[in-house]
Amino acid sequence: MKKMTALLVVITALALCALLILRRQHRAELTHGPRPAAPALSKSAQPPKAAQPMDAFQAGVKLDTRTGTAPDAEAKRRLMERLHREEVRQKPWEQRN
């Protein structure tokens, strides 16, 4: 008897959910109107017939390797001194960092 009651409750709950979903869908159609059909594809929206190979595309890309600043000797010397001081501070011969 308990199984029959549980089954009846589950079926009733599912029917109620279906009814609520249908009701909400119907209300949405009334407030927003029917959905427009999808437009047909125009010739400009269609994909190209012959795609350009990726190698040809990559060959057309030119990289600019200039950095924009020329390193001067004084700045390089200061940088090397700072790196040396940092190395000494970390004491790599003692395996510290």
C-alpha atoms as a PDB file:
ATOM      1  CA  MET A   1       0.000   0.000   0.000  1.00  0.00           C
ATOM      2  CA  LYS A   2       2.825   2.399   0.838  1.00  0.00           C
ATOM      3  CA  LYS A   3       4.507   1.731  -2.519  1.00  0.00           C
ATOM      4  CA  MET A   4       1.277   2.528  -4.348  1.00  0.00           C
ATOM      5  CA  THR A   5       0.914   5.817  -2.458  1.00  0.00           C
ATOM      6  CA  ALA A   6       4.517   6.804  -3.175  1.00  0.00           C
ATOM      7  CA  LEU A   7       4.047   6.003  -6.858  1.00  0.00           C
ATOM      8  CA  LEU A   8       0.875   8.075  -6.968  1.00  0.00           C
ATOM      9  CA  VAL A   9       2.643  11.039  -5.330  1.00  0.00           C
ATOM     10  CA  VAL A  10       5.544  10.848  -7.817  1.00  0.00           C
ATOM     11  CA  ILE A  11       3.215  10.686 -10.832  1.00  0.00           C
ATOM     12  CA  THR A  12       1.158  13.598  -9.507  1.00  0.00           C
ATOM     13  CA  ALA A  13       4.305  15.689  -8.926  1.00  0.00           C
ATOM     14  CA  LEU A  14       5.549  15.016 -12.465  1.00  0.00           C
ATOM     15  CA  ALA A  15       2.160  15.921 -13.940  1.00  0.00           C
ATOM     16  CA  LEU A  16       2.131  19.158 -11.931  1.00  0.00           C
ATOM     17  CA  CYS A  17       5.644  20.051 -13.157  1.00  0.00           C
ATOM     18  CA  ALA A  18       4.625  19.412 -16.761  1.00  0.00           C
ATOM     19  CA  LEU A  19       1.520  21.569 -16.310  1.00  0.00           C
ATOM     20  CA  LEU A  20       3.553  24.441 -14.845  1.00  0.00           C
ATOM     21  CA  ILE A  21       6.108  24.267 -17.661  1.00  0.00           C
ATOM     22  CA  LEU A  22       3.404  24.337 -20.333  1.00  0.00           C
ATOM     23  CA  ARG A  23       1.666  27.237 -18.598  1.00  0.00           C
ATOM     24  CA  ARG A  24       4.881  29.258 -18.407  1.00  0.00           C
ATOM     25  CA  GLN A  25       5.664  28.555 -22.047  1.00  0.00           C
ATOM     26  CA  HIS A  26       2.185  29.658 -23.105  1.00  0.00           C
ATOM     27  CA  ARG A  27       2.472  32.895 -21.099  1.00  0.00           C
ATOM     28  CA  ALA A  28       5.855  33.654 -22.645  1.00  0.00           C
ATOM     29  CA  GLU A  29       4.386  33.305 -26.136  1.00  0.00           C
ATOM     30  CA  LEU A  30       1.531  35.639 -25.260  1.00  0.00           C
ATOM     31  CA  THR A  31       3.763  38.381 -23.820  1.00  0.00           C
ATOM     32  CA  HIS A  32       6.618  38.199 -26.340  1.00  0.00           C
ATOM     33  CA  GLY A  33       4.713  37.019 -29.385  1.00  0.00           C
ATOM     34  CA  PRO A  34       5.720  34.138 -31.592  1.00  0.00           C
ATOM     35  CA  ARG A  35       9.401  33.697 -32.271  1.00  0.00           C
ATOM     36  CA  PRO A  36      10.572  34.880 -35.677  1.00  0.00           C
ATOM     37  CA  ALA A  37      11.887  32.332 -38.136  1.00  0.00           C
ATOM     38  CA  ALA A  38      15.626  32.229 -38.741  1.00  0.00           C
ATOM     39  CA  PRO A  39      16.658  34.287 -41.768  1.00  0.00           C
ATOM     40  CA  ALA A  40      18.023  32.504 -44.819  1.00  0.00           C
ATOM     41  CA  LEU A  41      21.760  32.662 -45.353  1.00  0.00           C
ATOM     42  CA  SER A  42      22.829  35.321 -47.792  1.00  0.00           C
ATOM     43  CA  LYS A  43      25.790  34.854 -50.098  1.00  0.00           C
ATOM     44  CA  SER A  44      27.977  37.071 -47.918  1.00  0.00           C
ATOM     45  CA  ALA A  45      27.239  34.990 -44.810  1.00  0.00           C
ATOM     46  CA  GLN A  46      28.284  31.712 -46.387  1.00  0.00           C
ATOM     47  CA  PRO A  47      31.796  30.432 -45.676  1.00  0.00           C
ATOM     48  CA  PRO A  48      34.416  30.812 -48.413  1.00  0.00           C
ATOM     49  CA  LYS A  49      34.736  27.865 -50.755  1.00  0.00           C
ATOM     50  CA  ALA A  50      38.536  27.654 -50.852  1.00  0.00           C
ATOM     51  CA  ALA A  51      40.186  28.505 -47.561  1.00  0.00           C
ATOM     52  CA  GLN A  52      43.708  29.886 -47.591  1.00  0.00           C
ATOM     53  CA  PRO A  53      46.189  27.321 -46.219  1.00  0.00           C
ATOM     54  CA  MET A  54      47.590  28.101 -42.775  1.00  0.00           C
ATOM     55  CA  ASP A  55      51.201  27.894 -43.990  1.00  0.00           C
ATOM     56  CA  ALA A  56      50.574  30.606 -46.558  1.00  0.00           C
ATOM     57  CA  PHE A  57      48.948  32.778 -43.875  1.00  0.00           C
ATOM     58  CA  GLN A  58      51.840  32.299 -41.474  1.00  0.00           C
ATOM     59  CA  ALA A  59      54.355  33.066 -44.215  1.00  0.00           C
ATOM     60  CA  GLY A  60      52.632  36.413 -44.698  1.00  0.00           C
ATOM     61  CA  VAL A  61      53.115  37.448 -41.065  1.00  0.00           C
ATOM     62  CA  LYS A  62      56.328  39.419 -40.516  1.00  0.00           C
ATOM     63  CA  LEU A  63      57.698  39.823 -36.990  1.00  0.00           C
ATOM     64  CA  ASP A  64      59.287  43.050 -35.771  1.00  0.00           C
ATOM     65  CA  THR A  65      62.242  41.987 -33.620  1.00  0.00           C
ATOM     66  CA  ARG A  66      63.453  45.480 -32.771  1.00  0.00           C
ATOM     67  CA  THR A  67      63.294  46.250 -29.055  1.00  0.00           C
ATOM     68  CA  GLY A  68      63.214  50.011 -29.450  1.00  0.00           C
ATOM     69  CA  THR A  69      65.963  50.727 -26.902  1.00  0.00           C
ATOM     70  CA  ALA A  70      69.681  50.235 -27.339  1.00  0.00           C
ATOM     71  CA  PRO A  71      71.329  49.080 -24.082  1.00  0.00           C
ATOM     72  CA  ASP A  72      74.029  51.451 -22.972  1.00  0.00           C
ATOM     73  CA  ALA A  73      77.193  50.201 -21.317  1.00  0.00           C
ATOM     74  CA  GLU A  74      76.559  51.956 -17.974  1.00  0.00           C
ATOM     75  CA  ALA A  75      73.068  50.458 -17.531  1.00  0.00           C
ATOM     76  CA  LYS A  76      74.379  47.003 -18.389  1.00  0.00           C
ATOM     77  CA  ARG A  77      77.228  47.363 -15.872  1.00  0.00           C
ATOM     78  CA  ARG A  78      74.795  48.419 -13.100  1.00  0.00           C
ATOM     79  CA  LEU A  79      72.545  45.492 -13.907  1.00  0.00           C
ATOM     80  CA  MET A  80      75.432  43.028 -13.770  1.00  0.00           C
ATOM     81  CA  GLU A  81      76.575  44.460 -10.413  1.00  0.00           C
ATOM     82  CA  ARG A  82      73.070  44.151  -8.994  1.00  0.00           C
ATOM     83  CA  LEU A  83      72.798  40.558 -10.217  1.00  0.00           C
ATOM     84  CA  HIS A  84      76.172  39.738  -8.674  1.00  0.00           C
ATOM     85  CA  ARG A  85      75.161  41.262  -5.310  1.00  0.00           C
ATOM     86  CA  GLU A  86      71.926  39.230  -5.371  1.00  0.00           C
ATOM     87  CA  GLU A  87      73.868  36.056  -6.130  1.00  0.00           C
ATOM     88  CA  VAL A  88      76.236  36.706  -3.229  1.00  0.00           C
ATOM     89  CA  ARG A  89      73.302  37.474  -0.919  1.00  0.00           C
ATOM     90  CA  GLN A  90      71.625  34.151  -1.708  1.00  0.00           C
ATOM     91  CA  LYS A  91      74.857  32.203  -1.085  1.00  0.00           C
ATOM     92  CA  PRO A  92      74.383  29.444  -3.653  1.00  0.00           C
ATOM     93  CA  TRP A  93      77.458  27.611  -2.390  1.00  0.00           C
ATOM     94  CA  GLU A  94      75.534  27.030   0.863  1.00  0.00           C
ATOM     95  CA  GLN A  95      72.494  25.905  -1.156  1.00  0.00           C
ATOM     96  CA  ARG A  96      70.329  28.763   0.087  1.00  0.00           C
ATOM     97  CA  ASN A  97      67.918  30.852  -1.910  1.00  0.00           C
END
